[in-house]
PDB file of all heavy atoms in Angstrom:
ATOM      1  N   ASN A   1      -1.751  12.279  -2.482  1.00  0.00           N
ATOM      2  CA  ASN A   1      -2.331  11.002  -2.171  1.00  0.00           C
ATOM      3  C   ASN A   1      -1.634   9.874  -2.945  1.00  0.00           C
ATOM      4  O   ASN A   1      -2.384   9.100  -3.668  1.00  0.00           O
ATOM      5  CB  ASN A   1      -3.825  11.020  -2.301  1.00  0.00           C
ATOM      6  CG  ASN A   1      -4.544  11.812  -1.194  1.00  0.00           C
ATOM      7  OD1 ASN A   1      -4.334  11.477  -0.027  1.00  0.00           O
ATOM      8  ND2 ASN A   1      -5.255  12.884  -1.570  1.00  0.00           N
ATOM      9  N   THR A   2      -0.327   9.885  -3.046  1.00  0.00           N
ATOM     10  CA  THR A   2       0.422   8.879  -3.833  1.00  0.00           C
ATOM     11  C   THR A   2       1.212   8.163  -2.821  1.00  0.00           C
ATOM     12  O   THR A   2       1.892   8.716  -1.965  1.00  0.00           O
ATOM     13  CB  THR A   2       1.269   9.617  -4.887  1.00  0.00           C
ATOM     14  OG1 THR A   2       0.490  10.365  -5.780  1.00  0.00           O
ATOM     15  CG2 THR A   2       2.127   8.574  -5.597  1.00  0.00           C
ATOM     16  N   VAL A   3       1.260   6.816  -2.959  1.00  0.00           N
ATOM     17  CA  VAL A   3       2.045   5.932  -2.089  1.00  0.00           C
ATOM     18  C   VAL A   3       3.100   5.217  -2.969  1.00  0.00           C
ATOM     19  O   VAL A   3       2.850   4.912  -4.097  1.00  0.00           O
ATOM     20  CB  VAL A   3       1.198   4.996  -1.339  1.00  0.00           C
ATOM     21  CG1 VAL A   3       0.490   4.010  -2.268  1.00  0.00           C
ATOM     22  CG2 VAL A   3       2.013   4.307  -0.245  1.00  0.00           C
ATOM     23  N   PHE A   4       4.305   5.148  -2.444  1.00  0.00           N
ATOM     24  CA  PHE A   4       5.411   4.483  -3.093  1.00  0.00           C
ATOM     25  C   PHE A   4       5.835   3.294  -2.325  1.00  0.00           C
ATOM     26  O   PHE A   4       5.801   3.239  -1.083  1.00  0.00           O
ATOM     27  CB  PHE A   4       6.553   5.489  -3.282  1.00  0.00           C
ATOM     28  CG  PHE A   4       6.204   6.711  -4.035  1.00  0.00           C
ATOM     29  CD1 PHE A   4       5.742   7.780  -3.303  1.00  0.00           C
ATOM     30  CD2 PHE A   4       6.272   6.871  -5.343  1.00  0.00           C
ATOM     31  CE1 PHE A   4       5.393   9.000  -3.906  1.00  0.00           C
ATOM     32  CE2 PHE A   4       5.916   8.047  -5.964  1.00  0.00           C
ATOM     33  CZ  PHE A   4       5.503   9.070  -5.266  1.00  0.00           C
ATOM     34  N   LEU A   5       6.453   2.344  -3.041  1.00  0.00           N
ATOM     35  CA  LEU A   5       7.124   1.217  -2.407  1.00  0.00           C
ATOM     36  C   LEU A   5       8.440   1.099  -3.004  1.00  0.00           C
ATOM     37  O   LEU A   5       8.536   0.683  -4.191  1.00  0.00           O
ATOM     38  CB  LEU A   5       6.379  -0.156  -2.543  1.00  0.00           C
ATOM     39  CG  LEU A   5       7.008  -1.379  -1.824  1.00  0.00           C
ATOM     40  CD1 LEU A   5       6.933  -1.150  -0.332  1.00  0.00           C
ATOM     41  CD2 LEU A   5       6.258  -2.602  -2.260  1.00  0.00           C
ATOM     42  N   GLN A   6       9.535   1.454  -2.285  1.00  0.00           N
ATOM     43  CA  GLN A   6      10.927   1.283  -2.818  1.00  0.00           C
ATOM     44  C   GLN A   6      11.367  -0.152  -2.474  1.00  0.00           C
ATOM     45  O   GLN A   6      11.398  -0.494  -1.286  1.00  0.00           O
ATOM     46  CB  GLN A   6      11.835   2.353  -2.173  1.00  0.00           C
ATOM     47  CG  GLN A   6      13.275   2.256  -2.661  1.00  0.00           C
ATOM     48  CD  GLN A   6      13.444   2.589  -4.095  1.00  0.00           C
ATOM     49  OE1 GLN A   6      12.923   3.538  -4.597  1.00  0.00           O
ATOM     50  NE2 GLN A   6      14.215   1.698  -4.788  1.00  0.00           N
ATOM     51  N   MET A   7      11.661  -0.891  -3.526  1.00  0.00           N
ATOM     52  CA  MET A   7      12.083  -2.257  -3.379  1.00  0.00           C
ATOM     53  C   MET A   7      13.498  -2.405  -3.656  1.00  0.00           C
ATOM     54  O   MET A   7      13.919  -2.185  -4.849  1.00  0.00           O
ATOM     55  CB  MET A   7      11.177  -3.185  -4.247  1.00  0.00           C
ATOM     56  CG  MET A   7       9.711  -2.999  -4.018  1.00  0.00           C
ATOM     57  SD  MET A   7       8.725  -3.960  -5.224  1.00  0.00           S
ATOM     58  CE  MET A   7       9.088  -5.573  -4.827  1.00  0.00           C
ATOM     59  N   ASN A   8      14.346  -2.679  -2.767  1.00  0.00           N
ATOM     60  CA  ASN A   8      15.818  -2.960  -2.954  1.00  0.00           C
ATOM     61  C   ASN A   8      16.200  -4.354  -2.675  1.00  0.00           C
ATOM     62  O   ASN A   8      15.585  -5.070  -1.905  1.00  0.00           O
ATOM     63  CB  ASN A   8      16.534  -1.999  -1.979  1.00  0.00           C
ATOM     64  CG  ASN A   8      16.280  -0.500  -2.301  1.00  0.00           C
ATOM     65  OD1 ASN A   8      16.182  -0.150  -3.443  1.00  0.00           O
ATOM     66  ND2 ASN A   8      16.302   0.311  -1.215  1.00  0.00           N
ATOM     67  N   ASN A   9      17.225  -4.745  -3.313  1.00  0.00           N
ATOM     68  CA  ASN A   9      17.750  -6.081  -3.052  1.00  0.00           C
ATOM     69  C   ASN A   9      16.717  -7.215  -3.267  1.00  0.00           C
ATOM     70  O   ASN A   9      16.521  -7.974  -2.405  1.00  0.00           O
ATOM     71  CB  ASN A   9      18.448  -6.254  -1.762  1.00  0.00           C
ATOM     72  CG  ASN A   9      19.320  -7.513  -1.622  1.00  0.00           C
ATOM     73  OD1 ASN A   9      19.753  -8.058  -2.646  1.00  0.00           O
ATOM     74  ND2 ASN A   9      19.426  -7.954  -0.391  1.00  0.00           N
ATOM     75  N   VAL A  10      15.933  -7.089  -4.375  1.00  0.00           N
ATOM     76  CA  VAL A  10      14.826  -7.960  -4.588  1.00  0.00           C
ATOM     77  C   VAL A  10      15.308  -9.426  -4.832  1.00  0.00           C
ATOM     78  O   VAL A  10      16.365  -9.619  -5.251  1.00  0.00           O
ATOM     79  CB  VAL A  10      13.993  -7.475  -5.796  1.00  0.00           C
ATOM     80  CG1 VAL A  10      13.365  -6.131  -5.458  1.00  0.00           C
ATOM     81  CG2 VAL A  10      14.782  -7.388  -7.062  1.00  0.00           C
ATOM     82  N   LYS A  11      14.329 -10.294  -4.516  1.00  0.00           N
ATOM     83  CA  LYS A  11      14.620 -11.699  -4.576  1.00  0.00           C
ATOM     84  C   LYS A  11      13.562 -12.384  -5.459  1.00  0.00           C
ATOM     85  O   LYS A  11      12.350 -11.791  -5.554  1.00  0.00           O
ATOM     86  CB  LYS A  11      14.586 -12.361  -3.173  1.00  0.00           C
ATOM     87  CG  LYS A  11      15.578 -11.768  -2.178  1.00  0.00           C
ATOM     88  CD  LYS A  11      15.485 -12.366  -0.860  1.00  0.00           C
ATOM     89  CE  LYS A  11      16.435 -11.717   0.149  1.00  0.00           C
ATOM     90  NZ  LYS A  11      16.328 -12.331   1.514  1.00  0.00           N
ATOM     91  N   PRO A  12      13.781 -13.497  -6.091  1.00  0.00           N
ATOM     92  CA  PRO A  12      12.725 -14.171  -6.844  1.00  0.00           C
ATOM     93  C   PRO A  12      11.400 -14.382  -6.101  1.00  0.00           C
ATOM     94  O   PRO A  12      10.382 -14.292  -6.588  1.00  0.00           O
ATOM     95  CB  PRO A  12      13.405 -15.499  -7.222  1.00  0.00           C
ATOM     96  CG  PRO A  12      14.871 -15.268  -7.253  1.00  0.00           C
ATOM     97  CD  PRO A  12      15.062 -14.271  -6.158  1.00  0.00           C
ATOM     98  N   GLU A  13      11.507 -14.667  -4.781  1.00  0.00           N
ATOM     99  CA  GLU A  13      10.357 -14.807  -3.981  1.00  0.00           C
ATOM    100  C   GLU A  13       9.429 -13.543  -3.826  1.00  0.00           C
ATOM    101  O   GLU A  13       8.355 -13.666  -3.303  1.00  0.00           O
ATOM    102  CB  GLU A  13      10.664 -15.472  -2.623  1.00  0.00           C
ATOM    103  CG  GLU A  13      11.803 -14.705  -1.833  1.00  0.00           C
ATOM    104  CD  GLU A  13      13.096 -15.359  -2.044  1.00  0.00           C
ATOM    105  OE1 GLU A  13      13.492 -15.711  -3.163  1.00  0.00           O
ATOM    106  OE2 GLU A  13      13.849 -15.481  -0.991  1.00  0.00           O
ATOM    107  N   ASP A  14      10.004 -12.429  -4.213  1.00  0.00           N
ATOM    108  CA  ASP A  14       9.309 -11.162  -4.189  1.00  0.00           C
ATOM    109  C   ASP A  14       8.348 -11.002  -5.353  1.00  0.00           C
ATOM    110  O   ASP A  14       7.539 -10.127  -5.390  1.00  0.00           O
ATOM    111  CB  ASP A  14      10.203 -10.010  -4.128  1.00  0.00           C
ATOM    112  CG  ASP A  14      11.063  -9.884  -2.876  1.00  0.00           C
ATOM    113  OD1 ASP A  14      10.575 -10.302  -1.809  1.00  0.00           O
ATOM    114  OD2 ASP A  14      12.200  -9.472  -3.010  1.00  0.00           O
ATOM    115  N   SER A  15       8.424 -11.931  -6.394  1.00  0.00           N
ATOM    116  CA  SER A  15       7.709 -11.797  -7.617  1.00  0.00           C
ATOM    117  C   SER A  15       6.249 -11.937  -7.322  1.00  0.00           C
ATOM    118  O   SER A  15       5.814 -12.672  -6.429  1.00  0.00           O
ATOM    119  CB  SER A  15       8.120 -12.878  -8.637  1.00  0.00           C
ATOM    120  OG  SER A  15       9.496 -12.668  -9.031  1.00  0.00           O
ATOM    121  N   GLY A  16       5.385 -11.217  -8.093  1.00  0.00           N
ATOM    122  CA  GLY A  16       3.981 -11.365  -8.003  1.00  0.00           C
ATOM    123  C   GLY A  16       3.360 -10.089  -8.449  1.00  0.00           C
ATOM    124  O   GLY A  16       3.908  -9.099  -8.913  1.00  0.00           O
ATOM    125  N   VAL A  17       1.994 -10.088  -8.337  1.00  0.00           N
ATOM    126  CA  VAL A  17       1.195  -8.914  -8.698  1.00  0.00           C
ATOM    127  C   VAL A  17       1.010  -8.110  -7.400  1.00  0.00           C
ATOM    128  O   VAL A  17       0.377  -8.576  -6.456  1.00  0.00           O
ATOM    129  CB  VAL A  17      -0.150  -9.312  -9.250  1.00  0.00           C
ATOM    130  CG1 VAL A  17      -0.982  -8.114  -9.580  1.00  0.00           C
ATOM    131  CG2 VAL A  17       0.107 -10.001 -10.568  1.00  0.00           C
ATOM    132  N   TYR A  18       1.460  -6.888  -7.398  1.00  0.00           N
ATOM    133  CA  TYR A  18       1.376  -5.974  -6.238  1.00  0.00           C
ATOM    134  C   TYR A  18       0.187  -5.086  -6.439  1.00  0.00           C
ATOM    135  O   TYR A  18       0.114  -4.308  -7.479  1.00  0.00           O
ATOM    136  CB  TYR A  18       2.656  -5.266  -6.042  1.00  0.00           C
ATOM    137  CG  TYR A  18       3.731  -6.045  -5.426  1.00  0.00           C
ATOM    138  CD1 TYR A  18       4.425  -7.004  -6.238  1.00  0.00           C
ATOM    139  CD2 TYR A  18       4.053  -5.899  -4.092  1.00  0.00           C
ATOM    140  CE1 TYR A  18       5.344  -7.747  -5.716  1.00  0.00           C
ATOM    141  CE2 TYR A  18       5.113  -6.671  -3.527  1.00  0.00           C
ATOM    142  CZ  TYR A  18       5.742  -7.602  -4.367  1.00  0.00           C
ATOM    143  OH  TYR A  18       6.754  -8.427  -3.800  1.00  0.00           O
ATOM    144  N   CYS A  19      -0.712  -5.025  -5.533  1.00  0.00           N
ATOM    145  CA  CYS A  19      -1.945  -4.266  -5.601  1.00  0.00           C
ATOM    146  C   CYS A  19      -1.857  -3.128  -4.499  1.00  0.00           C
ATOM    147  O   CYS A  19      -1.438  -3.347  -3.366  1.00  0.00           O
ATOM    148  CB  CYS A  19      -3.226  -5.100  -5.312  1.00  0.00           C
ATOM    149  SG  CYS A  19      -3.452  -6.445  -6.431  1.00  0.00           S
ATOM    150  N   CYS A  20      -2.258  -1.920  -5.027  1.00  0.00           N
ATOM    151  CA  CYS A  20      -2.374  -0.791  -4.129  1.00  0.00           C
ATOM    152  C   CYS A  20      -3.658  -0.829  -3.385  1.00  0.00           C
ATOM    153  O   CYS A  20      -4.689  -1.165  -3.894  1.00  0.00           O
ATOM    154  CB  CYS A  20      -2.185   0.460  -4.945  1.00  0.00           C
ATOM    155  SG  CYS A  20      -2.273   2.060  -4.022  1.00  0.00           S
ATOM    156  N   ASN A  21      -3.639  -0.448  -2.135  1.00  0.00           N
ATOM    157  CA  ASN A  21      -4.746  -0.396  -1.286  1.00  0.00           C
ATOM    158  C   ASN A  21      -4.879   0.910  -0.668  1.00  0.00           C
ATOM    159  O   ASN A  21      -3.887   1.583  -0.283  1.00  0.00           O
ATOM    160  CB  ASN A  21      -4.720  -1.497  -0.252  1.00  0.00           C
ATOM    161  CG  ASN A  21      -5.782  -1.351   0.841  1.00  0.00           C
ATOM    162  OD1 ASN A  21      -5.521  -0.772   1.911  1.00  0.00           O
ATOM    163  ND2 ASN A  21      -6.912  -1.930   0.635  1.00  0.00           N
ATOM    164  N   ALA A  22      -6.068   1.471  -0.460  1.00  0.00           N
ATOM    165  CA  ALA A  22      -6.406   2.725   0.188  1.00  0.00           C
ATOM    166  C   ALA A  22      -7.658   2.514   1.016  1.00  0.00           C
ATOM    167  O   ALA A  22      -8.649   1.921   0.594  1.00  0.00           O
ATOM    168  CB  ALA A  22      -6.582   3.886  -0.866  1.00  0.00           C
ATOM    169  N   VAL A  23      -7.617   3.134   2.185  1.00  0.00           N
ATOM    170  CA  VAL A  23      -8.705   3.111   3.083  1.00  0.00           C
ATOM    171  C   VAL A  23      -9.109   4.519   3.356  1.00  0.00           C
ATOM    172  O   VAL A  23      -8.256   5.313   3.872  1.00  0.00           O
ATOM    173  CB  VAL A  23      -8.421   2.385   4.378  1.00  0.00           C
ATOM    174  CG1 VAL A  23      -9.679   2.437   5.298  1.00  0.00           C
ATOM    175  CG2 VAL A  23      -8.158   0.878   4.155  1.00  0.00           C
ATOM    176  N   SER A  24     -10.308   4.899   3.016  1.00  0.00           N
ATOM    177  CA  SER A  24     -10.869   6.252   3.370  1.00  0.00           C
ATOM    178  C   SER A  24     -11.590   6.219   4.677  1.00  0.00           C
ATOM    179  O   SER A  24     -12.333   5.267   4.959  1.00  0.00           O
ATOM    180  CB  SER A  24     -11.770   6.741   2.229  1.00  0.00           C
ATOM    181  OG  SER A  24     -11.010   6.916   1.043  1.00  0.00           O
ATOM    182  N   ARG A  25     -11.453   7.234   5.455  1.00  0.00           N
ATOM    183  CA  ARG A  25     -12.187   7.476   6.710  1.00  0.00           C
ATOM    184  C   ARG A  25     -12.752   8.848   6.751  1.00  0.00           C
ATOM    185  O   ARG A  25     -12.122   9.860   6.438  1.00  0.00           O
ATOM    186  CB  ARG A  25     -11.243   7.179   7.916  1.00  0.00           C
ATOM    187  CG  ARG A  25     -10.498   5.834   7.831  1.00  0.00           C
ATOM    188  CD  ARG A  25      -9.798   5.512   9.118  1.00  0.00           C
ATOM    189  NE  ARG A  25      -8.893   4.415   8.852  1.00  0.00           N
ATOM    190  CZ  ARG A  25      -9.312   3.157   8.966  1.00  0.00           C
ATOM    191  NH1 ARG A  25     -10.499   2.819   9.379  1.00  0.00           N
ATOM    192  NH2 ARG A  25      -8.447   2.177   8.894  1.00  0.00           N
ATOM    193  N   TRP A  26     -13.965   8.965   7.232  1.00  0.00           N
ATOM    194  CA  TRP A  26     -14.701  10.169   7.355  1.00  0.00           C
ATOM    195  C   TRP A  26     -15.716  10.140   8.368  1.00  0.00           C
ATOM    196  O   TRP A  26     -15.942   9.084   8.997  1.00  0.00           O
ATOM    197  CB  TRP A  26     -15.267  10.623   5.959  1.00  0.00           C
ATOM    198  CG  TRP A  26     -16.413   9.777   5.529  1.00  0.00           C
ATOM    199  CD1 TRP A  26     -17.750  10.057   5.661  1.00  0.00           C
ATOM    200  CD2 TRP A  26     -16.363   8.544   4.774  1.00  0.00           C
ATOM    201  NE1 TRP A  26     -18.484   9.005   5.124  1.00  0.00           N
ATOM    202  CE2 TRP A  26     -17.681   8.140   4.588  1.00  0.00           C
ATOM    203  CE3 TRP A  26     -15.304   7.785   4.361  1.00  0.00           C
ATOM    204  CZ2 TRP A  26     -17.963   6.932   3.865  1.00  0.00           C
ATOM    205  CZ3 TRP A  26     -15.617   6.562   3.694  1.00  0.00           C
ATOM    206  CH2 TRP A  26     -16.929   6.199   3.493  1.00  0.00           C
ATOM    207  N   GLY A  27     -16.329  11.325   8.662  1.00  0.00           N
ATOM    208  CA  GLY A  27     -17.363  11.363   9.721  1.00  0.00           C
ATOM    209  C   GLY A  27     -16.748  11.891  11.038  1.00  0.00           C
ATOM    210  O   GLY A  27     -15.575  12.182  11.084  1.00  0.00           O
ATOM    211  N   PRO A  28     -17.559  11.997  11.957  1.00  0.00           N
ATOM    212  CA  PRO A  28     -17.155  12.479  13.286  1.00  0.00           C
ATOM    213  C   PRO A  28     -16.110  11.513  13.858  1.00  0.00           C
ATOM    214  O   PRO A  28     -16.231  10.279  13.750  1.00  0.00           O
ATOM    215  CB  PRO A  28     -18.432  12.589  14.112  1.00  0.00           C
ATOM    216  CG  PRO A  28     -19.324  11.611  13.504  1.00  0.00           C
ATOM    217  CD  PRO A  28     -19.077  11.664  12.027  1.00  0.00           C
ATOM    218  N   ILE A  29     -15.290  12.068  14.668  1.00  0.00           N
ATOM    219  CA  ILE A  29     -14.150  11.272  15.226  1.00  0.00           C
ATOM    220  C   ILE A  29     -14.710  10.151  16.203  1.00  0.00           C
ATOM    221  O   ILE A  29     -14.031   9.137  16.288  1.00  0.00           O
ATOM    222  CB  ILE A  29     -13.201  12.150  16.005  1.00  0.00           C
ATOM    223  CG1 ILE A  29     -11.928  11.401  16.303  1.00  0.00           C
ATOM    224  CG2 ILE A  29     -13.819  12.784  17.221  1.00  0.00           C
ATOM    225  CD1 ILE A  29     -10.770  12.242  16.921  1.00  0.00           C
ATOM    226  N   GLU A  30     -15.846  10.420  16.803  1.00  0.00           N
ATOM    227  CA  GLU A  30     -16.472   9.420  17.672  1.00  0.00           C
ATOM    228  C   GLU A  30     -17.200   8.331  16.922  1.00  0.00           C
ATOM    229  O   GLU A  30     -17.485   7.301  17.595  1.00  0.00           O
ATOM    230  CB  GLU A  30     -17.319  10.094  18.772  1.00  0.00           C
ATOM    231  CG  GLU A  30     -18.585  10.770  18.175  1.00  0.00           C
ATOM    232  CD  GLU A  30     -18.329  12.207  17.736  1.00  0.00           C
ATOM    233  OE1 GLU A  30     -17.176  12.561  17.627  1.00  0.00           O
ATOM    234  OE2 GLU A  30     -19.322  12.829  17.476  1.00  0.00           O
ATOM    235  N   ALA A  31     -17.454   8.545  15.703  1.00  0.00           N
ATOM    236  CA  ALA A  31     -18.274   7.539  14.934  1.00  0.00           C
ATOM    237  C   ALA A  31     -17.749   7.576  13.456  1.00  0.00           C
ATOM    238  O   ALA A  31     -18.599   8.040  12.612  1.00  0.00           O
ATOM    239  CB  ALA A  31     -19.745   7.843  15.045  1.00  0.00           C
TER     240      ALA A  31
END
């Protein structure tokens, strides 16, 4: 459960604080 972001040819406008997000899903498929 690890996610990566490979950033190539970065630009100044790419600067900032990058936050990781995860969405968990559970329960029956119909609900």
